[in-house]
Amino acid sequence: MPIVDQPILEIIIRQLARHSFSHVTLAVNHQAELFKAYFGDGRRWSVRIDYSLETEPLSTMGPLRLIGDLPEHFLVMNGDILTDLAYDAFLARHIQEGRMFTIAAAAREQKIDYGVLQITPDQHLYGFEEKPTIPYLVSMGIYGVSRRVLDFIPAGQTFGFDQLVIDLIERRLPVRVEQHCGYWLDIGRPDDYERAIEDWPKLCAAVAG
């Protein structure tokens, strides 16, 4: 997906290079050769890029089991997000505190277009809100990960972020959530993509360097 004059994945790689990451592995499946032809070995951005090829889709976390040279702690992220998060500082905090899994989160709000009734279990009204706005946190698609997490990812199976975090919650294992108060868009969503195009002229220097 292009953001004006460059693919979003190139913007991300430029950001990672600027934040002192030197090795990027792209988990690829569909159109793998197109990615390899464009990004090559990464020397254009002063990083080493290699590729992990899935023979069938493995979702968000499943591909990690195919990568043999993962360090003790590493960053996992989607390839279609636009943010000003400092990736190096995010991963450094994850490492310094010895975390197993860290989720970068962004605040969002949902406007309810109705009057909301608050009722007791026996159906009696105790409160009312006219068209309230409900705040919530969402995953940004950026994760600090310890190799310990690989123990909970089945090999050769589709296994997503949702399945992993539900499993970790059920096992009562610690998962840290860090709220990012800066810029974040998921450009896989049409509304976010349109906003990213509009915002890019004033964002490009700060986000892509």
N, C-alpha and C. Protein backbone atom coordinates (compact mmCIF):
# COMPACT_ATOMS: atom_id res chain seq x y z
N MET A 1 0.85 -1.20 0.00
CA MET A 1 0.00 0.00 0.00
C MET A 1 0.88 1.24 0.00
N PRO A 2 0.72 2.12 -0.99
CA PRO A 2 1.56 3.32 -1.02
C PRO A 2 1.01 4.43 -0.11
N ILE A 3 1.92 5.10 0.58
CA ILE A 3 1.60 6.35 1.26
C ILE A 3 2.23 7.45 0.41
N VAL A 4 1.43 8.01 -0.46
CA VAL A 4 1.84 9.01 -1.45
C VAL A 4 2.89 8.41 -2.38
N ASP A 5 4.19 8.51 -2.04
CA ASP A 5 5.23 8.13 -2.99
C ASP A 5 6.07 6.93 -2.57
N GLN A 6 5.69 6.23 -1.49
CA GLN A 6 6.46 5.05 -1.09
C GLN A 6 5.57 4.06 -0.36
N PRO A 7 5.89 2.77 -0.48
CA PRO A 7 5.07 1.75 0.20
C PRO A 7 5.17 1.90 1.72
N ILE A 8 4.09 1.55 2.40
CA ILE A 8 4.08 1.64 3.85
C ILE A 8 5.18 0.77 4.46
N LEU A 9 5.47 -0.38 3.85
CA LEU A 9 6.49 -1.25 4.41
C LEU A 9 7.88 -0.62 4.29
N GLU A 10 8.12 0.15 3.25
CA GLU A 10 9.39 0.87 3.14
C GLU A 10 9.51 1.93 4.24
N ILE A 11 8.40 2.61 4.52
CA ILE A 11 8.40 3.60 5.60
C ILE A 11 8.77 2.93 6.92
N ILE A 12 8.19 1.75 7.18
CA ILE A 12 8.48 1.03 8.42
C ILE A 12 9.94 0.63 8.48
N ILE A 13 10.49 0.13 7.39
CA ILE A 13 11.90 -0.28 7.38
C ILE A 13 12.81 0.93 7.60
N ARG A 14 12.48 2.06 6.99
CA ARG A 14 13.26 3.27 7.24
C ARG A 14 13.22 3.65 8.73
N GLN A 15 12.04 3.54 9.33
CA GLN A 15 11.90 3.84 10.75
C GLN A 15 12.76 2.90 11.60
N LEU A 16 12.69 1.61 11.30
CA LEU A 16 13.46 0.64 12.07
C LEU A 16 14.96 0.92 11.95
N ALA A 17 15.41 1.25 10.75
CA ALA A 17 16.83 1.57 10.57
C ALA A 17 17.20 2.80 11.38
N ARG A 18 16.33 3.81 11.37
CA ARG A 18 16.61 5.04 12.12
C ARG A 18 16.61 4.79 13.61
N HIS A 19 15.87 3.78 14.06
CA HIS A 19 15.82 3.45 15.48
C HIS A 19 16.80 2.34 15.84
N SER A 20 17.85 2.18 15.03
CA SER A 20 19.00 1.31 15.35
C SER A 20 18.74 -0.18 15.21
N PHE A 21 17.70 -0.58 14.50
CA PHE A 21 17.53 -1.99 14.18
C PHE A 21 18.39 -2.30 12.95
N SER A 22 19.08 -3.43 12.98
CA SER A 22 19.99 -3.77 11.90
C SER A 22 19.57 -5.00 11.12
N HIS A 23 18.60 -5.76 11.62
CA HIS A 23 18.20 -7.01 10.98
C HIS A 23 16.68 -7.10 10.96
N VAL A 24 16.11 -7.25 9.79
CA VAL A 24 14.66 -7.35 9.60
C VAL A 24 14.36 -8.64 8.85
N THR A 25 13.46 -9.44 9.38
CA THR A 25 12.97 -10.63 8.68
C THR A 25 11.53 -10.39 8.27
N LEU A 26 11.26 -10.49 6.98
CA LEU A 26 9.90 -10.35 6.47
C LEU A 26 9.27 -11.73 6.32
N ALA A 27 8.18 -11.96 7.02
CA ALA A 27 7.42 -13.21 6.87
C ALA A 27 6.51 -13.04 5.67
N VAL A 28 6.77 -13.79 4.61
CA VAL A 28 6.08 -13.59 3.34
C VAL A 28 5.40 -14.87 2.89
N ASN A 29 4.36 -14.69 2.08
CA ASN A 29 3.64 -15.81 1.49
C ASN A 29 3.20 -15.37 0.11
N HIS A 30 2.03 -14.75 0.04
CA HIS A 30 1.50 -14.27 -1.24
C HIS A 30 2.41 -13.18 -1.80
N GLN A 31 2.77 -13.30 -3.07
CA GLN A 31 3.62 -12.32 -3.76
C GLN A 31 4.99 -12.16 -3.11
N ALA A 32 5.53 -13.26 -2.60
CA ALA A 32 6.83 -13.21 -1.95
C ALA A 32 7.91 -12.68 -2.87
N GLU A 33 7.88 -13.08 -4.14
CA GLU A 33 8.92 -12.64 -5.07
C GLU A 33 8.87 -11.14 -5.31
N LEU A 34 7.69 -10.56 -5.25
CA LEU A 34 7.55 -9.12 -5.41
C LEU A 34 8.23 -8.38 -4.26
N PHE A 35 8.04 -8.88 -3.04
CA PHE A 35 8.71 -8.28 -1.87
C PHE A 35 10.23 -8.39 -2.01
N LYS A 36 10.70 -9.57 -2.42
CA LYS A 36 12.14 -9.78 -2.54
C LYS A 36 12.74 -8.88 -3.62
N ALA A 37 12.02 -8.71 -4.72
CA ALA A 37 12.53 -7.88 -5.81
C ALA A 37 12.63 -6.42 -5.38
N TYR A 38 11.70 -5.96 -4.58
CA TYR A 38 11.69 -4.54 -4.18
C TYR A 38 12.69 -4.28 -3.06
N PHE A 39 12.69 -5.12 -2.03
CA PHE A 39 13.49 -4.83 -0.84
C PHE A 39 14.88 -5.46 -0.88
N GLY A 40 15.04 -6.52 -1.66
CA GLY A 40 16.35 -7.13 -1.78
C GLY A 40 16.92 -7.54 -0.43
N ASP A 41 18.22 -7.27 -0.25
CA ASP A 41 18.86 -7.64 1.01
C ASP A 41 18.88 -6.51 2.02
N GLY A 42 18.25 -5.38 1.68
CA GLY A 42 18.10 -4.28 2.63
C GLY A 42 19.22 -3.27 2.65
N ARG A 43 20.27 -3.48 1.86
CA ARG A 43 21.42 -2.58 1.96
C ARG A 43 21.07 -1.14 1.58
N ARG A 44 20.01 -0.97 0.80
CA ARG A 44 19.60 0.39 0.44
C ARG A 44 19.18 1.21 1.66
N TRP A 45 18.74 0.51 2.71
CA TRP A 45 18.32 1.19 3.95
C TRP A 45 19.29 0.92 5.10
N SER A 46 20.45 0.34 4.77
CA SER A 46 21.49 0.04 5.78
C SER A 46 21.01 -0.94 6.84
N VAL A 47 20.17 -1.89 6.44
CA VAL A 47 19.77 -2.99 7.31
C VAL A 47 19.94 -4.30 6.53
N ARG A 48 19.97 -5.40 7.26
CA ARG A 48 19.98 -6.72 6.62
C ARG A 48 18.55 -7.25 6.60
N ILE A 49 18.05 -7.51 5.41
CA ILE A 49 16.69 -8.04 5.26
C ILE A 49 16.79 -9.47 4.75
N ASP A 50 16.13 -10.39 5.45
CA ASP A 50 15.95 -11.73 4.93
C ASP A 50 14.48 -12.09 4.99
N TYR A 51 14.15 -13.28 4.51
CA TYR A 51 12.76 -13.62 4.28
C TYR A 51 12.44 -14.99 4.86
N SER A 52 11.29 -15.09 5.49
CA SER A 52 10.78 -16.37 5.97
C SER A 52 9.53 -16.70 5.15
N LEU A 53 9.62 -17.75 4.35
CA LEU A 53 8.55 -18.07 3.41
C LEU A 53 7.59 -19.09 4.02
N GLU A 54 6.32 -18.74 4.05
CA GLU A 54 5.26 -19.66 4.48
C GLU A 54 4.73 -20.39 3.25
N THR A 55 4.60 -21.70 3.35
CA THR A 55 3.98 -22.44 2.25
C THR A 55 2.47 -22.37 2.33
N GLU A 56 1.95 -22.02 3.50
CA GLU A 56 0.53 -21.74 3.68
C GLU A 56 0.39 -20.68 4.76
N PRO A 57 -0.69 -19.88 4.72
CA PRO A 57 -0.82 -18.79 5.69
C PRO A 57 -0.81 -19.29 7.14
N LEU A 58 0.01 -18.63 7.98
CA LEU A 58 0.15 -19.02 9.38
C LEU A 58 -0.32 -17.95 10.34
N SER A 59 -0.93 -16.87 9.82
CA SER A 59 -1.44 -15.77 10.62
C SER A 59 -0.30 -14.97 11.25
N THR A 60 -0.57 -14.29 12.37
CA THR A 60 0.36 -13.31 12.91
C THR A 60 1.55 -13.92 13.63
N MET A 61 1.31 -14.91 14.48
CA MET A 61 2.37 -15.46 15.32
C MET A 61 2.92 -16.80 14.83
N GLY A 62 2.15 -17.53 14.06
CA GLY A 62 2.60 -18.83 13.55
C GLY A 62 3.94 -18.78 12.83
N PRO A 63 4.21 -17.73 12.01
CA PRO A 63 5.48 -17.69 11.27
C PRO A 63 6.72 -17.63 12.16
N LEU A 64 6.58 -17.23 13.41
CA LEU A 64 7.76 -17.14 14.28
C LEU A 64 8.45 -18.49 14.45
N ARG A 65 7.69 -19.56 14.36
CA ARG A 65 8.29 -20.90 14.53
C ARG A 65 9.16 -21.29 13.35
N LEU A 66 9.08 -20.55 12.24
CA LEU A 66 9.89 -20.86 11.06
C LEU A 66 11.22 -20.12 11.06
N ILE A 67 11.40 -19.17 11.97
CA ILE A 67 12.58 -18.32 11.96
C ILE A 67 13.57 -18.86 13.00
N GLY A 68 14.69 -19.39 12.52
CA GLY A 68 15.60 -20.09 13.41
C GLY A 68 16.57 -19.22 14.17
N ASP A 69 16.76 -17.98 13.74
CA ASP A 69 17.79 -17.14 14.36
C ASP A 69 17.21 -15.98 15.16
N LEU A 70 16.06 -16.19 15.75
CA LEU A 70 15.47 -15.13 16.58
C LEU A 70 16.34 -14.88 17.81
N PRO A 71 16.57 -13.61 18.16
CA PRO A 71 17.32 -13.32 19.39
C PRO A 71 16.46 -13.58 20.62
N GLU A 72 17.04 -13.36 21.79
CA GLU A 72 16.31 -13.60 23.03
C GLU A 72 15.08 -12.70 23.14
N HIS A 73 15.18 -11.45 22.68
CA HIS A 73 14.06 -10.53 22.64
C HIS A 73 14.03 -9.85 21.27
N PHE A 74 12.84 -9.64 20.76
CA PHE A 74 12.73 -9.08 19.41
C PHE A 74 11.38 -8.38 19.26
N LEU A 75 11.27 -7.64 18.17
CA LEU A 75 10.05 -6.90 17.85
C LEU A 75 9.28 -7.66 16.79
N VAL A 76 7.98 -7.80 16.99
CA VAL A 76 7.08 -8.36 15.97
C VAL A 76 6.07 -7.28 15.63
N MET A 77 5.84 -7.07 14.33
CA MET A 77 4.88 -6.03 13.96
C MET A 77 4.24 -6.32 12.62
N ASN A 78 3.06 -5.77 12.45
CA ASN A 78 2.36 -5.84 11.18
C ASN A 78 3.05 -4.90 10.18
N GLY A 79 2.82 -5.16 8.91
CA GLY A 79 3.47 -4.37 7.87
C GLY A 79 2.59 -3.28 7.28
N ASP A 80 1.49 -2.94 7.95
CA ASP A 80 0.57 -1.95 7.38
C ASP A 80 0.14 -0.91 8.41
N ILE A 81 1.08 -0.50 9.26
CA ILE A 81 0.75 0.49 10.29
C ILE A 81 1.64 1.72 10.15
N LEU A 82 1.07 2.87 10.45
CA LEU A 82 1.79 4.14 10.39
C LEU A 82 1.75 4.75 11.78
N THR A 83 2.93 4.92 12.39
CA THR A 83 3.00 5.41 13.76
C THR A 83 4.30 6.15 13.99
N ASP A 84 4.30 6.99 15.03
CA ASP A 84 5.53 7.67 15.44
C ASP A 84 6.13 7.03 16.69
N LEU A 85 5.71 5.80 17.01
CA LEU A 85 6.27 5.10 18.16
C LEU A 85 7.78 4.93 18.00
N ALA A 86 8.54 5.19 19.06
CA ALA A 86 9.99 4.94 19.06
C ALA A 86 10.21 3.45 19.30
N TYR A 87 10.43 2.71 18.23
CA TYR A 87 10.53 1.25 18.33
C TYR A 87 11.68 0.82 19.24
N ASP A 88 12.82 1.52 19.16
CA ASP A 88 13.96 1.12 19.97
C ASP A 88 13.68 1.28 21.46
N ALA A 89 13.07 2.39 21.84
CA ALA A 89 12.77 2.61 23.26
C ALA A 89 11.71 1.62 23.75
N PHE A 90 10.75 1.32 22.90
CA PHE A 90 9.70 0.35 23.26
C PHE A 90 10.32 -1.02 23.56
N LEU A 91 11.19 -1.49 22.66
CA LEU A 91 11.81 -2.79 22.88
C LEU A 91 12.78 -2.75 24.05
N ALA A 92 13.47 -1.63 24.24
CA ALA A 92 14.42 -1.52 25.36
C ALA A 92 13.70 -1.67 26.70
N ARG A 93 12.54 -1.04 26.84
CA ARG A 93 11.77 -1.18 28.09
C ARG A 93 11.33 -2.62 28.30
N HIS A 94 10.93 -3.26 27.23
CA HIS A 94 10.54 -4.67 27.30
C HIS A 94 11.70 -5.52 27.82
N ILE A 95 12.89 -5.29 27.31
CA ILE A 95 14.07 -6.07 27.70
C ILE A 95 14.49 -5.75 29.12
N GLN A 96 14.56 -4.47 29.46
CA GLN A 96 15.04 -4.05 30.77
C GLN A 96 14.19 -4.61 31.90
N GLU A 97 12.89 -4.74 31.67
CA GLU A 97 12.00 -5.24 32.72
C GLU A 97 11.81 -6.76 32.65
N GLY A 98 12.51 -7.42 31.73
CA GLY A 98 12.45 -8.87 31.64
C GLY A 98 11.07 -9.40 31.29
N ARG A 99 10.35 -8.66 30.49
CA ARG A 99 8.99 -9.07 30.15
C ARG A 99 8.99 -10.24 29.16
N MET A 100 7.89 -10.96 29.16
CA MET A 100 7.72 -12.04 28.20
C MET A 100 7.02 -11.54 26.93
N PHE A 101 6.02 -10.70 27.11
CA PHE A 101 5.24 -10.23 25.97
C PHE A 101 4.72 -8.83 26.28
N THR A 102 4.96 -7.88 25.38
CA THR A 102 4.52 -6.51 25.56
C THR A 102 3.70 -6.08 24.35
N ILE A 103 2.55 -5.48 24.60
CA ILE A 103 1.66 -5.03 23.53
C ILE A 103 1.64 -3.51 23.51
N ALA A 104 1.95 -2.91 22.37
CA ALA A 104 1.77 -1.47 22.20
C ALA A 104 0.29 -1.21 21.93
N ALA A 105 -0.29 -0.25 22.64
CA ALA A 105 -1.73 0.00 22.56
C ALA A 105 -2.02 1.46 22.27
N ALA A 106 -3.12 1.71 21.60
CA ALA A 106 -3.57 3.07 21.30
C ALA A 106 -4.98 3.25 21.83
N ALA A 107 -5.28 4.47 22.27
CA ALA A 107 -6.62 4.78 22.79
C ALA A 107 -7.56 5.12 21.63
N ARG A 108 -8.75 4.61 21.71
CA ARG A 108 -9.80 4.93 20.75
C ARG A 108 -11.10 5.18 21.52
N GLU A 109 -12.07 5.77 20.85
CA GLU A 109 -13.38 6.03 21.46
C GLU A 109 -14.47 5.56 20.52
N GLN A 110 -15.56 5.06 21.10
CA GLN A 110 -16.71 4.64 20.33
C GLN A 110 -17.93 5.46 20.75
N LYS A 111 -18.47 6.21 19.83
CA LYS A 111 -19.67 7.00 20.10
C LYS A 111 -20.91 6.13 19.96
N ILE A 112 -21.72 6.06 21.02
CA ILE A 112 -22.97 5.31 20.99
C ILE A 112 -24.09 6.27 20.59
N ASP A 113 -24.81 5.94 19.54
CA ASP A 113 -25.81 6.86 19.00
C ASP A 113 -27.20 6.70 19.63
N TYR A 114 -27.25 6.07 20.77
CA TYR A 114 -28.53 5.84 21.44
C TYR A 114 -28.43 6.23 22.91
N GLY A 115 -29.56 6.41 23.52
CA GLY A 115 -29.59 6.55 24.97
C GLY A 115 -29.38 5.18 25.60
N VAL A 116 -28.40 5.06 26.50
CA VAL A 116 -28.02 3.76 27.06
C VAL A 116 -28.68 3.58 28.42
N LEU A 117 -29.42 2.49 28.56
CA LEU A 117 -30.08 2.15 29.81
C LEU A 117 -29.18 1.27 30.66
N GLN A 118 -29.05 1.61 31.92
CA GLN A 118 -28.27 0.80 32.85
C GLN A 118 -29.25 0.12 33.80
N ILE A 119 -29.21 -1.23 33.81
CA ILE A 119 -30.23 -1.96 34.56
C ILE A 119 -29.59 -2.97 35.51
N THR A 120 -30.35 -3.33 36.53
CA THR A 120 -29.92 -4.34 37.49
C THR A 120 -30.20 -5.72 36.92
N PRO A 121 -29.65 -6.79 37.54
CA PRO A 121 -29.92 -8.14 37.04
C PRO A 121 -31.40 -8.49 36.99
N ASP A 122 -32.23 -7.83 37.84
CA ASP A 122 -33.66 -8.12 37.80
C ASP A 122 -34.44 -7.09 36.99
N GLN A 123 -33.73 -6.43 36.06
CA GLN A 123 -34.33 -5.59 35.03
C GLN A 123 -34.92 -4.27 35.55
N HIS A 124 -34.35 -3.71 36.59
CA HIS A 124 -34.77 -2.40 37.06
C HIS A 124 -33.73 -1.35 36.66
N LEU A 125 -34.21 -0.21 36.20
CA LEU A 125 -33.33 0.86 35.75
C LEU A 125 -32.67 1.55 36.94
N TYR A 126 -31.33 1.69 36.87
CA TYR A 126 -30.64 2.44 37.93
C TYR A 126 -29.83 3.61 37.37
N GLY A 127 -29.72 3.71 36.04
CA GLY A 127 -28.97 4.82 35.47
C GLY A 127 -29.28 4.98 34.00
N PHE A 128 -28.88 6.13 33.45
CA PHE A 128 -29.14 6.42 32.04
C PHE A 128 -28.06 7.36 31.52
N GLU A 129 -27.56 7.10 30.29
CA GLU A 129 -26.61 7.99 29.62
C GLU A 129 -27.11 8.27 28.21
N GLU A 130 -27.17 9.54 27.86
CA GLU A 130 -27.61 9.92 26.52
C GLU A 130 -26.40 9.96 25.58
N LYS A 131 -26.36 9.03 24.62
CA LYS A 131 -25.33 8.96 23.58
C LYS A 131 -23.91 9.09 24.16
N PRO A 132 -23.54 8.16 25.01
CA PRO A 132 -22.21 8.26 25.64
C PRO A 132 -21.08 7.92 24.67
N THR A 133 -19.87 8.33 25.02
CA THR A 133 -18.66 7.95 24.30
C THR A 133 -17.87 6.99 25.18
N ILE A 134 -17.58 5.82 24.64
CA ILE A 134 -16.92 4.77 25.41
C ILE A 134 -15.44 4.71 25.02
N PRO A 135 -14.52 4.95 25.96
CA PRO A 135 -13.09 4.84 25.65
C PRO A 135 -12.62 3.38 25.77
N TYR A 136 -11.63 3.02 24.96
CA TYR A 136 -11.06 1.68 25.04
C TYR A 136 -9.66 1.68 24.43
N LEU A 137 -8.90 0.63 24.70
CA LEU A 137 -7.56 0.47 24.16
C LEU A 137 -7.56 -0.62 23.10
N VAL A 138 -6.78 -0.41 22.02
CA VAL A 138 -6.66 -1.41 20.97
C VAL A 138 -5.18 -1.75 20.76
N SER A 139 -4.94 -2.96 20.31
CA SER A 139 -3.59 -3.35 19.96
C SER A 139 -3.14 -2.60 18.71
N MET A 140 -1.91 -2.10 18.72
CA MET A 140 -1.36 -1.38 17.57
C MET A 140 -0.72 -2.32 16.54
N GLY A 141 -0.66 -3.61 16.84
CA GLY A 141 0.02 -4.53 15.92
C GLY A 141 1.53 -4.46 16.06
N ILE A 142 2.02 -4.06 17.24
CA ILE A 142 3.45 -3.98 17.54
C ILE A 142 3.68 -4.66 18.89
N TYR A 143 4.62 -5.60 18.92
CA TYR A 143 4.80 -6.41 20.12
C TYR A 143 6.28 -6.59 20.45
N GLY A 144 6.62 -6.46 21.73
CA GLY A 144 7.92 -6.89 22.22
C GLY A 144 7.78 -8.32 22.67
N VAL A 145 8.66 -9.19 22.18
CA VAL A 145 8.47 -10.64 22.39
C VAL A 145 9.75 -11.27 22.90
N SER A 146 9.61 -12.16 23.87
CA SER A 146 10.70 -13.00 24.35
C SER A 146 10.61 -14.36 23.67
N ARG A 147 11.76 -15.00 23.48
CA ARG A 147 11.75 -16.34 22.88
C ARG A 147 10.91 -17.33 23.68
N ARG A 148 10.69 -17.04 24.97
CA ARG A 148 9.86 -17.94 25.78
C ARG A 148 8.46 -18.12 25.19
N VAL A 149 8.01 -17.11 24.45
CA VAL A 149 6.66 -17.16 23.86
C VAL A 149 6.55 -18.28 22.83
N LEU A 150 7.67 -18.66 22.20
CA LEU A 150 7.62 -19.70 21.17
C LEU A 150 7.09 -21.01 21.72
N ASP A 151 7.25 -21.22 23.03
CA ASP A 151 6.75 -22.45 23.64
C ASP A 151 5.23 -22.57 23.56
N PHE A 152 4.55 -21.46 23.33
CA PHE A 152 3.09 -21.46 23.31
C PHE A 152 2.53 -21.34 21.88
N ILE A 153 3.41 -21.39 20.88
CA ILE A 153 2.99 -21.28 19.48
C ILE A 153 3.16 -22.64 18.82
N PRO A 154 2.09 -23.26 18.36
CA PRO A 154 2.22 -24.58 17.73
C PRO A 154 2.92 -24.48 16.37
N ALA A 155 3.72 -25.46 16.06
CA ALA A 155 4.45 -25.48 14.78
C ALA A 155 3.53 -25.90 13.64
N GLY A 156 3.69 -25.23 12.51
CA GLY A 156 2.98 -25.64 11.30
C GLY A 156 1.49 -25.39 11.31
N GLN A 157 1.02 -24.53 12.20
CA GLN A 157 -0.42 -24.26 12.30
C GLN A 157 -0.68 -22.76 12.23
N THR A 158 -1.84 -22.40 11.71
CA THR A 158 -2.28 -21.01 11.76
C THR A 158 -2.47 -20.61 13.21
N PHE A 159 -1.80 -19.54 13.62
CA PHE A 159 -1.88 -19.13 15.02
C PHE A 159 -1.70 -17.63 15.08
N GLY A 160 -2.76 -16.94 15.52
CA GLY A 160 -2.77 -15.49 15.49
C GLY A 160 -2.49 -14.86 16.84
N PHE A 161 -2.36 -13.54 16.82
CA PHE A 161 -2.17 -12.76 18.04
C PHE A 161 -3.30 -13.04 19.03
N ASP A 162 -4.53 -13.09 18.53
CA ASP A 162 -5.67 -13.30 19.42
C ASP A 162 -5.56 -14.64 20.14
N GLN A 163 -5.18 -15.69 19.42
CA GLN A 163 -5.06 -17.00 20.05
C GLN A 163 -3.94 -17.01 21.10
N LEU A 164 -2.84 -16.33 20.79
CA LEU A 164 -1.73 -16.29 21.73
C LEU A 164 -2.11 -15.58 23.02
N VAL A 165 -2.69 -14.39 22.91
CA VAL A 165 -2.97 -13.64 24.14
C VAL A 165 -4.05 -14.33 24.98
N ILE A 166 -5.03 -14.95 24.34
CA ILE A 166 -6.04 -15.69 25.10
C ILE A 166 -5.39 -16.84 25.85
N ASP A 167 -4.46 -17.53 25.19
CA ASP A 167 -3.74 -18.63 25.85
C ASP A 167 -2.92 -18.12 27.03
N LEU A 168 -2.21 -16.99 26.84
CA LEU A 168 -1.39 -16.45 27.93
C LEU A 168 -2.26 -16.00 29.10
N ILE A 169 -3.42 -15.41 28.80
CA ILE A 169 -4.34 -15.00 29.87
C ILE A 169 -4.85 -16.22 30.64
N GLU A 170 -5.24 -17.26 29.91
CA GLU A 170 -5.76 -18.47 30.57
C GLU A 170 -4.70 -19.13 31.44
N ARG A 171 -3.43 -19.01 31.03
CA ARG A 171 -2.34 -19.59 31.82
C ARG A 171 -1.87 -18.65 32.95
N ARG A 172 -2.49 -17.47 33.02
CA ARG A 172 -2.14 -16.45 34.02
C ARG A 172 -0.68 -16.02 33.92
N LEU A 173 -0.21 -15.92 32.67
CA LEU A 173 1.15 -15.46 32.43
C LEU A 173 1.14 -13.95 32.19
N PRO A 174 2.20 -13.26 32.60
CA PRO A 174 2.19 -11.79 32.54
C PRO A 174 2.32 -11.25 31.12
N VAL A 175 1.40 -10.37 30.77
CA VAL A 175 1.44 -9.65 29.49
C VAL A 175 1.36 -8.16 29.82
N ARG A 176 2.34 -7.40 29.38
CA ARG A 176 2.37 -5.97 29.67
C ARG A 176 1.75 -5.20 28.50
N VAL A 177 0.95 -4.20 28.81
CA VAL A 177 0.36 -3.31 27.80
C VAL A 177 0.93 -1.91 28.00
N GLU A 178 1.49 -1.34 26.95
CA GLU A 178 2.01 0.02 26.99
C GLU A 178 1.17 0.92 26.08
N GLN A 179 0.56 1.92 26.65
CA GLN A 179 -0.24 2.84 25.83
C GLN A 179 0.67 3.87 25.17
N HIS A 180 0.50 4.02 23.86
CA HIS A 180 1.22 5.04 23.10
C HIS A 180 0.27 6.20 22.85
N CYS A 181 0.67 7.39 23.26
CA CYS A 181 -0.21 8.55 23.15
C CYS A 181 0.04 9.36 21.88
N GLY A 182 0.92 8.87 21.02
CA GLY A 182 1.22 9.59 19.79
C GLY A 182 0.35 9.14 18.62
N TYR A 183 0.93 9.16 17.45
CA TYR A 183 0.21 8.90 16.20
C TYR A 183 0.20 7.41 15.89
N TRP A 184 -0.93 6.90 15.44
CA TRP A 184 -1.03 5.51 15.00
C TRP A 184 -2.25 5.34 14.11
N LEU A 185 -2.04 4.71 12.97
CA LEU A 185 -3.13 4.34 12.07
C LEU A 185 -2.89 2.93 11.54
N ASP A 186 -3.97 2.20 11.37
CA ASP A 186 -3.93 0.89 10.71
C ASP A 186 -4.41 1.12 9.28
N ILE A 187 -3.47 1.21 8.33
CA ILE A 187 -3.88 1.61 6.98
C ILE A 187 -4.56 0.49 6.22
N GLY A 188 -4.70 -0.69 6.84
CA GLY A 188 -5.54 -1.72 6.25
C GLY A 188 -7.02 -1.36 6.33
N ARG A 189 -7.35 -0.37 7.16
CA ARG A 189 -8.72 0.12 7.26
C ARG A 189 -8.88 1.30 6.29
N PRO A 190 -9.90 1.30 5.44
CA PRO A 190 -10.04 2.37 4.46
C PRO A 190 -10.05 3.77 5.05
N ASP A 191 -10.74 3.97 6.18
CA ASP A 191 -10.78 5.30 6.80
C ASP A 191 -9.39 5.74 7.26
N ASP A 192 -8.66 4.82 7.87
CA ASP A 192 -7.31 5.14 8.34
C ASP A 192 -6.38 5.41 7.16
N TYR A 193 -6.55 4.67 6.07
CA TYR A 193 -5.70 4.86 4.90
C TYR A 193 -5.91 6.26 4.30
N GLU A 194 -7.17 6.66 4.18
CA GLU A 194 -7.45 8.00 3.66
C GLU A 194 -6.87 9.07 4.56
N ARG A 195 -6.97 8.88 5.87
CA ARG A 195 -6.40 9.86 6.79
C ARG A 195 -4.88 9.90 6.68
N ALA A 196 -4.25 8.72 6.51
CA ALA A 196 -2.80 8.68 6.37
C ALA A 196 -2.33 9.47 5.16
N ILE A 197 -3.04 9.36 4.05
CA ILE A 197 -2.69 10.12 2.85
C ILE A 197 -2.80 11.62 3.12
N GLU A 198 -3.87 12.01 3.81
CA GLU A 198 -4.07 13.43 4.12
C GLU A 198 -2.99 13.95 5.08
N ASP A 199 -2.60 13.12 6.06
CA ASP A 199 -1.67 13.56 7.10
C ASP A 199 -0.21 13.50 6.65
N TRP A 200 0.10 12.74 5.61
CA TRP A 200 1.48 12.46 5.27
C TRP A 200 2.35 13.70 5.04
N PRO A 201 1.87 14.73 4.36
CA PRO A 201 2.76 15.89 4.14
C PRO A 201 3.34 16.48 5.42
N LYS A 202 2.56 16.49 6.49
CA LYS A 202 3.09 17.04 7.75
C LYS A 202 3.71 15.99 8.65
N LEU A 203 3.52 14.71 8.30
CA LEU A 203 4.06 13.63 9.12
C LEU A 203 5.39 13.08 8.62
N CYS A 204 5.66 13.22 7.31
CA CYS A 204 6.74 12.46 6.70
C CYS A 204 8.08 12.67 7.36
N ALA A 205 8.41 13.91 7.72
CA ALA A 205 9.73 14.18 8.32
C ALA A 205 9.83 13.53 9.70
N ALA A 206 8.76 13.62 10.50
CA ALA A 206 8.79 13.10 11.86
C ALA A 206 8.73 11.58 11.88
N VAL A 207 7.95 10.99 10.96
CA VAL A 207 7.73 9.54 10.98
C VAL A 207 8.82 8.79 10.23
N ALA A 208 9.14 9.23 9.02
CA ALA A 208 10.05 8.47 8.18
C ALA A 208 11.47 8.98 8.23
N GLY A 209 11.70 10.19 8.69
CA GLY A 209 13.05 10.71 8.77
C GLY A 209 13.59 11.14 7.41
